[in-house]
Amino acid sequence: LVDAQGQSVVQPIDGYVLAGGGYELYQAGRFTDTPLLLGTNSDEGELLVPPGATPARFEAQIRARYGSYARAILALYPHATDAEAEQAARDVVRDSDLAWSTWVWALLHSQKGTDKAYLYYFDRHSPQAPRGPTHTAEVGYVFGNLVSTVKGAPFALSGPPGPADIALSKLIQGYWVNFAKAGDPNGPGLPHWPAFSASPQRVMYLDAHPHIGPVPNLKQIEVFDAYYAHVRREQAAAAARAPAPR
């Protein structure tokens, strides 16, 4: 979870609502083994990061949050200008809080589950979203509601949908309906969507020319994966040092 400033909000593990960390529960085999369809959008951070980033502010935020991993993260996100820093801040939120979690979820499910996971990357650009679709922007395509009467709706097009958007919406609806019916998005007339696996890692790109490709921004995601592994080790060490309850 992230707050209005794009910072992580930690949900406490209480043993009741949240039985444990998702990563640890998967490793222990304590998860619902059901087909998964999940993914992220190319400009997820647009709704989650406030404007006004500068190179200095971006670097300070990364160093404060990621400590010894900050140097590796900063090296992957150009931020020499205010415009670059703003895009970098958005991309960090996309990769650290959304892309990593869906990627590792699909990866763990492919390794530990018996049902399959299907991973997508929604990247349909429009005049309203020239840098790519933001958080929830695929919703309108899923339900065939591409034009919203709500001004500024994140999934609304700025004008009547063109043939490419209508075709993409119908394609997405086909995948989603098939998945809802059978746990598999594939069906007649649709480009084949392979299930996600550790190797090769293939993703369905939902854009102007839907296609299968590698995981986008994988180098960035792998750095965050190393950071979160570090956090888990620290948490485990802290738990081991804690006195036993009386």
C-alpha atoms as a PDB file:
ATOM      1  CA  LEU A   1       0.000   0.000   0.000  1.00  0.00           C
ATOM      2  CA  VAL A   2       1.126   3.572  -0.657  1.00  0.00           C
ATOM      3  CA  ASP A   3      -0.097   6.869   0.739  1.00  0.00           C
ATOM      4  CA  ALA A   4      -0.817  10.138  -1.086  1.00  0.00           C
ATOM      5  CA  GLN A   5       2.895  10.978  -1.086  1.00  0.00           C
ATOM      6  CA  GLY A   6       3.830   7.702  -2.758  1.00  0.00           C
ATOM      7  CA  GLN A   7       5.367   6.237   0.408  1.00  0.00           C
ATOM      8  CA  SER A   8       4.743   2.681   1.555  1.00  0.00           C
ATOM      9  CA  VAL A   9       2.195   2.185   4.307  1.00  0.00           C
ATOM     10  CA  VAL A  10       2.963  -0.972   6.258  1.00  0.00           C
ATOM     11  CA  GLN A  11      -0.013  -3.101   7.225  1.00  0.00           C
ATOM     12  CA  PRO A  12       0.660  -4.855  10.553  1.00  0.00           C
ATOM     13  CA  ILE A  13       0.613  -8.646  10.526  1.00  0.00           C
ATOM     14  CA  ASP A  14      -1.834  -9.489  13.287  1.00  0.00           C
ATOM     15  CA  GLY A  15      -2.105 -13.259  12.834  1.00  0.00           C
ATOM     16  CA  TYR A  16      -5.836 -12.927  12.196  1.00  0.00           C
ATOM     17  CA  VAL A  17      -6.638 -10.662   9.244  1.00  0.00           C
ATOM     18  CA  LEU A  18      -3.061 -10.959   7.968  1.00  0.00           C
ATOM     19  CA  ALA A  19      -1.655 -14.344   8.930  1.00  0.00           C
ATOM     20  CA  GLY A  20       1.858 -13.463   7.775  1.00  0.00           C
ATOM     21  CA  GLY A  21       3.907 -11.941   5.000  1.00  0.00           C
ATOM     22  CA  GLY A  22       2.793 -13.028   1.554  1.00  0.00           C
ATOM     23  CA  TYR A  23       6.285 -14.159   0.551  1.00  0.00           C
ATOM     24  CA  GLU A  24       6.708 -16.326   3.654  1.00  0.00           C
ATOM     25  CA  LEU A  25       3.213 -17.798   3.351  1.00  0.00           C
ATOM     26  CA  TYR A  26       3.930 -18.861  -0.225  1.00  0.00           C
ATOM     27  CA  GLN A  27       7.194 -20.479   0.821  1.00  0.00           C
ATOM     28  CA  ALA A  28       5.276 -22.376   3.520  1.00  0.00           C
ATOM     29  CA  GLY A  29       2.570 -23.487   1.079  1.00  0.00           C
ATOM     30  CA  ARG A  30      -0.112 -21.486   2.923  1.00  0.00           C
ATOM     31  CA  PHE A  31      -1.898 -19.794   0.035  1.00  0.00           C
ATOM     32  CA  THR A  32      -4.997 -20.199  -2.110  1.00  0.00           C
ATOM     33  CA  ASP A  33      -3.930 -22.255  -5.102  1.00  0.00           C
ATOM     34  CA  THR A  34      -6.155 -20.795  -7.784  1.00  0.00           C
ATOM     35  CA  PRO A  35      -5.498 -19.407 -11.288  1.00  0.00           C
ATOM     36  CA  LEU A  36      -4.210 -15.829 -11.298  1.00  0.00           C
ATOM     37  CA  LEU A  37      -4.470 -13.016 -13.838  1.00  0.00           C
ATOM     38  CA  LEU A  38      -2.539  -9.967 -12.742  1.00  0.00           C
ATOM     39  CA  GLY A  39      -0.391  -7.159 -14.028  1.00  0.00           C
ATOM     40  CA  THR A  40       0.622  -3.514 -13.958  1.00  0.00           C
ATOM     41  CA  ASN A  41       0.372  -0.384 -16.099  1.00  0.00           C
ATOM     42  CA  SER A  42       3.298   1.494 -17.583  1.00  0.00           C
ATOM     43  CA  ASP A  43       2.724   4.780 -15.706  1.00  0.00           C
ATOM     44  CA  GLU A  44       1.252   3.472 -12.447  1.00  0.00           C
ATOM     45  CA  GLY A  45       2.897   6.200 -10.402  1.00  0.00           C
ATOM     46  CA  GLU A  46       1.113   9.112 -12.104  1.00  0.00           C
ATOM     47  CA  LEU A  47      -1.803   8.971  -9.650  1.00  0.00           C
ATOM     48  CA  LEU A  48       0.363   8.106  -6.654  1.00  0.00           C
ATOM     49  CA  VAL A  49       3.218  10.625  -6.765  1.00  0.00           C
ATOM     50  CA  PRO A  50       2.679  14.352  -6.179  1.00  0.00           C
ATOM     51  CA  PRO A  51       4.250  16.793  -8.661  1.00  0.00           C
ATOM     52  CA  GLY A  52       7.220  18.964  -7.846  1.00  0.00           C
ATOM     53  CA  ALA A  53      10.080  16.465  -7.896  1.00  0.00           C
ATOM     54  CA  THR A  54      13.634  17.750  -8.211  1.00  0.00           C
ATOM     55  CA  PRO A  55      16.862  15.763  -8.566  1.00  0.00           C
ATOM     56  CA  ALA A  56      17.895  16.610  -5.000  1.00  0.00           C
ATOM     57  CA  ARG A  57      14.494  15.778  -3.516  1.00  0.00           C
ATOM     58  CA  PHE A  58      14.289  12.515  -5.445  1.00  0.00           C
ATOM     59  CA  GLU A  59      17.750  11.425  -4.297  1.00  0.00           C
ATOM     60  CA  ALA A  60      16.966  12.327  -0.683  1.00  0.00           C
ATOM     61  CA  GLN A  61      13.745  10.299  -0.735  1.00  0.00           C
ATOM     62  CA  ILE A  62      15.458   7.254  -2.237  1.00  0.00           C
ATOM     63  CA  ARG A  63      18.344   7.411   0.244  1.00  0.00           C
ATOM     64  CA  ALA A  64      15.976   7.819   3.190  1.00  0.00           C
ATOM     65  CA  ARG A  65      13.819   4.874   2.183  1.00  0.00           C
ATOM     66  CA  TYR A  66      16.314   2.379   0.748  1.00  0.00           C
ATOM     67  CA  GLY A  67      19.525   2.973   2.690  1.00  0.00           C
ATOM     68  CA  SER A  68      22.424   0.910   1.348  1.00  0.00           C
ATOM     69  CA  TYR A  69      20.396  -0.044  -1.744  1.00  0.00           C
ATOM     70  CA  ALA A  70      19.826   3.579  -2.770  1.00  0.00           C
ATOM     71  CA  ARG A  71      22.949   3.817  -4.915  1.00  0.00           C
ATOM     72  CA  ALA A  72      21.937   0.845  -7.093  1.00  0.00           C
ATOM     73  CA  ILE A  73      18.389   2.187  -7.422  1.00  0.00           C
ATOM     74  CA  LEU A  74      19.452   5.718  -8.326  1.00  0.00           C
ATOM     75  CA  ALA A  75      21.744   4.355 -11.029  1.00  0.00           C
ATOM     76  CA  LEU A  76      18.750   2.807 -12.821  1.00  0.00           C
ATOM     77  CA  TYR A  77      16.557   5.933 -12.912  1.00  0.00           C
ATOM     78  CA  PRO A  78      17.858   9.015 -14.799  1.00  0.00           C
ATOM     79  CA  HIS A  79      17.049  12.104 -12.708  1.00  0.00           C
ATOM     80  CA  ALA A  80      19.408  14.890 -13.788  1.00  0.00           C
ATOM     81  CA  THR A  81      16.570  17.358 -14.482  1.00  0.00           C
ATOM     82  CA  ASP A  82      13.274  18.144 -12.781  1.00  0.00           C
ATOM     83  CA  ALA A  83      11.381  16.403 -15.597  1.00  0.00           C
ATOM     84  CA  GLU A  84      13.552  13.302 -15.300  1.00  0.00           C
ATOM     85  CA  ALA A  85      13.233  13.329 -11.510  1.00  0.00           C
ATOM     86  CA  GLU A  86       9.439  13.478 -11.750  1.00  0.00           C
ATOM     87  CA  GLN A  87       9.366  10.526 -14.154  1.00  0.00           C
ATOM     88  CA  ALA A  88      11.869   8.646 -12.000  1.00  0.00           C
ATOM     89  CA  ALA A  89       9.728   9.154  -8.904  1.00  0.00           C
ATOM     90  CA  ARG A  90       6.703   7.778 -10.750  1.00  0.00           C
ATOM     91  CA  ASP A  91       8.662   4.833 -12.125  1.00  0.00           C
ATOM     92  CA  VAL A  92      10.085   3.933  -8.715  1.00  0.00           C
ATOM     93  CA  VAL A  93       6.575   3.693  -7.290  1.00  0.00           C
ATOM     94  CA  ARG A  94       5.511   1.590 -10.272  1.00  0.00           C
ATOM     95  CA  ASP A  95       8.433  -0.797  -9.943  1.00  0.00           C
ATOM     96  CA  SER A  96       8.832  -1.012  -6.163  1.00  0.00           C
ATOM     97  CA  ASP A  97       5.241  -1.045  -4.971  1.00  0.00           C
ATOM     98  CA  LEU A  98       3.302  -2.526  -7.893  1.00  0.00           C
ATOM     99  CA  ALA A  99       5.443  -4.206 -10.555  1.00  0.00           C
ATOM    100  CA  TRP A 100       7.615  -6.040  -8.015  1.00  0.00           C
ATOM    101  CA  SER A 101       4.645  -7.346  -6.052  1.00  0.00           C
ATOM    102  CA  THR A 102       2.805  -8.662  -9.114  1.00  0.00           C
ATOM    103  CA  TRP A 103       6.018 -10.133 -10.570  1.00  0.00           C
ATOM    104  CA  VAL A 104       7.007 -11.938  -7.380  1.00  0.00           C
ATOM    105  CA  TRP A 105       3.403 -13.097  -6.861  1.00  0.00           C
ATOM    106  CA  ALA A 106       3.314 -14.640 -10.334  1.00  0.00           C
ATOM    107  CA  LEU A 107       6.799 -16.100  -9.848  1.00  0.00           C
ATOM    108  CA  LEU A 108       5.986 -17.721  -6.505  1.00  0.00           C
ATOM    109  CA  HIS A 109       2.689 -19.025  -7.828  1.00  0.00           C
ATOM    110  CA  SER A 110       4.404 -20.597 -10.831  1.00  0.00           C
ATOM    111  CA  GLN A 111       6.888 -22.297  -8.492  1.00  0.00           C
ATOM    112  CA  LYS A 112       4.643 -23.288  -5.586  1.00  0.00           C
ATOM    113  CA  GLY A 113       1.154 -23.614  -7.069  1.00  0.00           C
ATOM    114  CA  THR A 114      -0.502 -26.163  -9.292  1.00  0.00           C
ATOM    115  CA  ASP A 115      -2.699 -23.600 -11.066  1.00  0.00           C
ATOM    116  CA  LYS A 116      -1.248 -21.080 -13.515  1.00  0.00           C
ATOM    117  CA  ALA A 117      -0.573 -17.358 -13.357  1.00  0.00           C
ATOM    118  CA  TYR A 118      -0.905 -14.999 -16.319  1.00  0.00           C
ATOM    119  CA  LEU A 119       0.952 -11.688 -16.169  1.00  0.00           C
ATOM    120  CA  TYR A 120       0.173  -8.600 -18.279  1.00  0.00           C
ATOM    121  CA  TYR A 121       1.649  -5.136 -18.876  1.00  0.00           C
ATOM    122  CA  PHE A 122      -0.906  -2.533 -19.971  1.00  0.00           C
ATOM    123  CA  ASP A 123       0.805   0.097 -22.125  1.00  0.00           C
ATOM    124  CA  ARG A 124      -1.849   1.766 -24.280  1.00  0.00           C
ATOM    125  CA  HIS A 125      -0.814   5.402 -24.809  1.00  0.00           C
ATOM    126  CA  SER A 126      -3.386   8.097 -25.573  1.00  0.00           C
ATOM    127  CA  PRO A 127      -3.477  11.892 -25.876  1.00  0.00           C
ATOM    128  CA  GLN A 128      -4.629  11.993 -22.255  1.00  0.00           C
ATOM    129  CA  ALA A 129      -1.826   9.672 -21.148  1.00  0.00           C
ATOM    130  CA  PRO A 130       1.122  10.287 -23.493  1.00  0.00           C
ATOM    131  CA  ARG A 131       3.571   8.705 -21.045  1.00  0.00           C
ATOM    132  CA  GLY A 132       1.443   5.602 -20.677  1.00  0.00           C
ATOM    133  CA  PRO A 133      -1.642   4.479 -18.770  1.00  0.00           C
ATOM    134  CA  THR A 134      -1.850   5.189 -15.076  1.00  0.00           C
ATOM    135  CA  HIS A 135      -3.169   3.128 -12.176  1.00  0.00           C
ATOM    136  CA  THR A 136      -6.580   1.500 -12.975  1.00  0.00           C
ATOM    137  CA  ALA A 137      -6.473   2.693 -16.608  1.00  0.00           C
ATOM    138  CA  GLU A 138      -7.138  -0.830 -17.895  1.00  0.00           C
ATOM    139  CA  VAL A 139     -10.494  -0.971 -16.080  1.00  0.00           C
ATOM    140  CA  GLY A 140     -12.353   0.903 -18.814  1.00  0.00           C
ATOM    141  CA  TYR A 141     -11.017  -1.521 -21.427  1.00  0.00           C
ATOM    142  CA  VAL A 142     -12.029  -4.537 -19.348  1.00  0.00           C
ATOM    143  CA  PHE A 143     -15.623  -3.341 -19.110  1.00  0.00           C
ATOM    144  CA  GLY A 144     -15.874  -1.631 -22.506  1.00  0.00           C
ATOM    145  CA  ASN A 145     -16.443   1.761 -20.876  1.00  0.00           C
ATOM    146  CA  LEU A 146     -13.757   3.839 -22.563  1.00  0.00           C
ATOM    147  CA  VAL A 147     -15.341   7.267 -22.167  1.00  0.00           C
ATOM    148  CA  SER A 148     -16.292   8.514 -18.727  1.00  0.00           C
ATOM    149  CA  THR A 149     -18.557  11.421 -17.794  1.00  0.00           C
ATOM    150  CA  VAL A 150     -16.360  11.994 -14.734  1.00  0.00           C
ATOM    151  CA  LYS A 151     -13.832  14.695 -15.591  1.00  0.00           C
ATOM    152  CA  GLY A 152     -10.289  13.480 -15.143  1.00  0.00           C
ATOM    153  CA  ALA A 153     -11.233   9.831 -14.674  1.00  0.00           C
ATOM    154  CA  PRO A 154      -7.968   7.887 -14.941  1.00  0.00           C
ATOM    155  CA  PHE A 155      -9.306   5.368 -17.435  1.00  0.00           C
ATOM    156  CA  ALA A 156     -11.275   7.752 -19.638  1.00  0.00           C
ATOM    157  CA  LEU A 157     -10.107   8.701 -23.104  1.00  0.00           C
ATOM    158  CA  SER A 158     -10.009  12.380 -24.009  1.00  0.00           C
ATOM    159  CA  GLY A 159     -12.367  11.816 -26.933  1.00  0.00           C
ATOM    160  CA  PRO A 160     -14.404   9.131 -28.680  1.00  0.00           C
ATOM    161  CA  PRO A 161     -12.551   5.794 -28.802  1.00  0.00           C
ATOM    162  CA  GLY A 162     -10.964   4.978 -32.117  1.00  0.00           C
ATOM    163  CA  PRO A 163     -10.877   1.589 -33.843  1.00  0.00           C
ATOM    164  CA  ALA A 164      -7.608   0.620 -32.109  1.00  0.00           C
ATOM    165  CA  ASP A 165      -9.025   1.255 -28.642  1.00  0.00           C
ATOM    166  CA  ILE A 166     -12.257  -0.590 -29.416  1.00  0.00           C
ATOM    167  CA  ALA A 167     -10.287  -3.539 -30.782  1.00  0.00           C
ATOM    168  CA  LEU A 168      -8.017  -3.596 -27.713  1.00  0.00           C
ATOM    169  CA  SER A 169     -11.020  -3.446 -25.397  1.00  0.00           C
ATOM    170  CA  LYS A 170     -12.658  -6.404 -27.158  1.00  0.00           C
ATOM    171  CA  LEU A 171      -9.394  -8.349 -26.991  1.00  0.00           C
ATOM    172  CA  ILE A 172      -9.040  -7.686 -23.261  1.00  0.00           C
ATOM    173  CA  GLN A 173     -12.675  -8.568 -22.643  1.00  0.00           C
ATOM    174  CA  GLY A 174     -12.138 -11.852 -24.450  1.00  0.00           C
ATOM    175  CA  TYR A 175      -9.169 -12.713 -22.258  1.00  0.00           C
ATOM    176  CA  TRP A 176     -10.930 -11.711 -19.027  1.00  0.00           C
ATOM    177  CA  VAL A 177     -14.149 -13.583 -19.828  1.00  0.00           C
ATOM    178  CA  ASN A 178     -12.242 -16.727 -20.757  1.00  0.00           C
ATOM    179  CA  PHE A 179     -10.265 -16.484 -17.529  1.00  0.00           C
ATOM    180  CA  ALA A 180     -13.427 -15.996 -15.472  1.00  0.00           C
ATOM    181  CA  LYS A 181     -15.003 -19.054 -17.087  1.00  0.00           C
ATOM    182  CA  ALA A 182     -12.074 -21.457 -17.168  1.00  0.00           C
ATOM    183  CA  GLY A 183      -9.090 -19.992 -15.306  1.00  0.00           C
ATOM    184  CA  ASP A 184      -7.269 -19.531 -18.625  1.00  0.00           C
ATOM    185  CA  PRO A 185      -7.467 -16.351 -20.762  1.00  0.00           C
ATOM    186  CA  ASN A 186      -6.783 -18.181 -24.018  1.00  0.00           C
ATOM    187  CA  GLY A 187      -9.482 -18.979 -26.526  1.00  0.00           C
ATOM    188  CA  PRO A 188     -10.382 -18.985 -30.232  1.00  0.00           C
ATOM    189  CA  GLY A 189      -9.384 -15.864 -32.127  1.00  0.00           C
ATOM    190  CA  LEU A 190      -7.065 -14.518 -29.435  1.00  0.00           C
ATOM    191  CA  PRO A 191      -3.249 -14.343 -29.560  1.00  0.00           C
ATOM    192  CA  HIS A 192      -1.807 -17.072 -27.354  1.00  0.00           C
ATOM    193  CA  TRP A 193      -0.996 -15.920 -23.821  1.00  0.00           C
ATOM    194  CA  PRO A 194       1.470 -18.319 -22.139  1.00  0.00           C
ATOM    195  CA  ALA A 195       1.348 -18.909 -18.415  1.00  0.00           C
ATOM    196  CA  PHE A 196       4.079 -17.194 -16.442  1.00  0.00           C
ATOM    197  CA  SER A 197       7.117 -19.254 -15.449  1.00  0.00           C
ATOM    198  CA  ALA A 198      10.526 -18.675 -13.897  1.00  0.00           C
ATOM    199  CA  SER A 199      12.167 -19.343 -17.262  1.00  0.00           C
ATOM    200  CA  PRO A 200      11.404 -17.943 -19.698  1.00  0.00           C
ATOM    201  CA  GLN A 201       9.563 -15.074 -18.033  1.00  0.00           C
ATOM    202  CA  ARG A 202       6.967 -13.948 -20.578  1.00  0.00           C
ATOM    203  CA  VAL A 203       4.362 -11.207 -20.248  1.00  0.00           C
ATOM    204  CA  MET A 204       1.378 -10.199 -22.389  1.00  0.00           C
ATOM    205  CA  TYR A 205       1.828  -6.585 -23.527  1.00  0.00           C
ATOM    206  CA  LEU A 206      -1.614  -5.030 -23.918  1.00  0.00           C
ATOM    207  CA  ASP A 207      -1.017  -2.040 -26.170  1.00  0.00           C
ATOM    208  CA  ALA A 208      -1.654  -0.882 -29.723  1.00  0.00           C
ATOM    209  CA  HIS A 209      -0.110  -4.141 -30.962  1.00  0.00           C
ATOM    210  CA  PRO A 210      -0.678  -6.807 -28.275  1.00  0.00           C
ATOM    211  CA  HIS A 211       2.210  -9.232 -28.088  1.00  0.00           C
ATOM    212  CA  ILE A 212       4.224 -11.472 -25.801  1.00  0.00           C
ATOM    213  CA  GLY A 213       7.517 -10.120 -24.507  1.00  0.00           C
ATOM    214  CA  PRO A 214       9.970 -10.153 -21.597  1.00  0.00           C
ATOM    215  CA  VAL A 215       9.173  -8.665 -18.198  1.00  0.00           C
ATOM    216  CA  PRO A 216       9.485  -4.878 -18.592  1.00  0.00           C
ATOM    217  CA  ASN A 217      11.913  -3.035 -16.310  1.00  0.00           C
ATOM    218  CA  LEU A 218      13.237  -6.352 -15.000  1.00  0.00           C
ATOM    219  CA  LYS A 219      16.605  -4.910 -13.901  1.00  0.00           C
ATOM    220  CA  GLN A 220      14.807  -2.395 -11.723  1.00  0.00           C
ATOM    221  CA  ILE A 221      12.461  -5.036 -10.319  1.00  0.00           C
ATOM    222  CA  GLU A 222      15.395  -7.305  -9.464  1.00  0.00           C
ATOM    223  CA  VAL A 223      17.068  -4.529  -7.447  1.00  0.00           C
ATOM    224  CA  PHE A 224      13.896  -4.086  -5.428  1.00  0.00           C
ATOM    225  CA  ASP A 225      13.666  -7.855  -5.048  1.00  0.00           C
ATOM    226  CA  ALA A 226      17.126  -7.813  -3.468  1.00  0.00           C
ATOM    227  CA  TYR A 227      16.074  -4.933  -1.210  1.00  0.00           C
ATOM    228  CA  TYR A 228      12.920  -6.713  -0.015  1.00  0.00           C
ATOM    229  CA  ALA A 229      14.923  -9.910   0.596  1.00  0.00           C
ATOM    230  CA  HIS A 230      17.202  -7.776   2.797  1.00  0.00           C
ATOM    231  CA  VAL A 231      14.162  -6.444   4.673  1.00  0.00           C
ATOM    232  CA  ARG A 232      12.871  -9.972   5.262  1.00  0.00           C
ATOM    233  CA  ARG A 233      16.245 -11.049   6.640  1.00  0.00           C
ATOM    234  CA  GLU A 234      16.291  -8.068   9.001  1.00  0.00           C
ATOM    235  CA  GLN A 235      12.765  -8.791  10.162  1.00  0.00           C
ATOM    236  CA  ALA A 236      13.603 -12.456  10.772  1.00  0.00           C
ATOM    237  CA  ALA A 237      16.707 -11.489  12.751  1.00  0.00           C
ATOM    238  CA  ALA A 238      14.714  -9.009  14.842  1.00  0.00           C
ATOM    239  CA  ALA A 239      12.065 -11.638  15.547  1.00  0.00           C
ATOM    240  CA  ALA A 240      14.754 -14.119  16.627  1.00  0.00           C
ATOM    241  CA  ARG A 241      16.183 -11.557  19.071  1.00  0.00           C
ATOM    242  CA  ALA A 242      12.811 -10.647  20.556  1.00  0.00           C
ATOM    243  CA  PRO A 243      12.093 -12.119  24.016  1.00  0.00           C
ATOM    244  CA  ALA A 244       9.628 -14.990  24.108  1.00  0.00           C
ATOM    245  CA  PRO A 245       6.105 -14.001  25.227  1.00  0.00           C
ATOM    246  CA  ARG A 246       5.292 -14.881  28.813  1.00  0.00           C
END
